[in-house]
């Protein structure tokens, strides 16, 4: 099972340089208490979203490295083709990422890992709602970092296919594999990235990504765990839905100004 593929108690997932988020697309830090343990949504993590977090599956005969490389190129092409439209309606970036990449992620596996014990206790409806809102959170929260600075998309496009480089081979274990790569953001040094994938029905699916040693799954798991204990899962889902809606509305508003 996917739950066995990472050690939730593993040390080193929290990057000592991680910062509390500031403002994201006009929303303040207090609007994101559920996310307070995550690194800031810089251009690095925005690039990670576009090229890393959501990766297309491929038939097992295609290596994970080849699959991830093709995804990076596809996203760059889509951004280039729709750059003008994004300037007029920046919220289209959410739709672009969601339509192109999200359908190819095992969203339920990620949600199950993030909630842990709370997932086992959740009702089917709560599981479905959390999976949907968590997916929306990942898309809108990190993608919105690109929208804070209109020049960031241009800088990403300048990198083009050089945005990511993938190391050959990988640390395979059964039907799971870890692929090491380096992200080359428009500014600053290269950053190590590790993709965790598993094979399901002859397809490779990404279920976690580490950026500079920071696991998305583990970071969110710790954050949501404390919130569920304090407020209960139903309230956490409601708050998450409100934050997602606020991000959408703020992005639409900014596009009109």
Foldseek 3Di string as FASTA:
>chain_A
DVLVVDDLPDPQQQDPPAQAEADFLRRGSVLPLLQRRGHYLALVVLLCLQQPDFFAKDFLVDPPQNRSLVSLLVSLVVCVVCVVVCLLQVLVQLVVSCVPTVVRAPLLLLLCLQQPPLVVVDDPVLSVLSSVLVSLCSSLRNNSNCVVDVCQSVLSSVCRSVQKDWDPDFDDDVQKTKTWIWGDGSDDDIWIKIWIWGADPRITHTNWMRINSHIPSSSSSVSVVVVCVVPNSVVVSVSSVVSSVVSSVSSRVVSVD
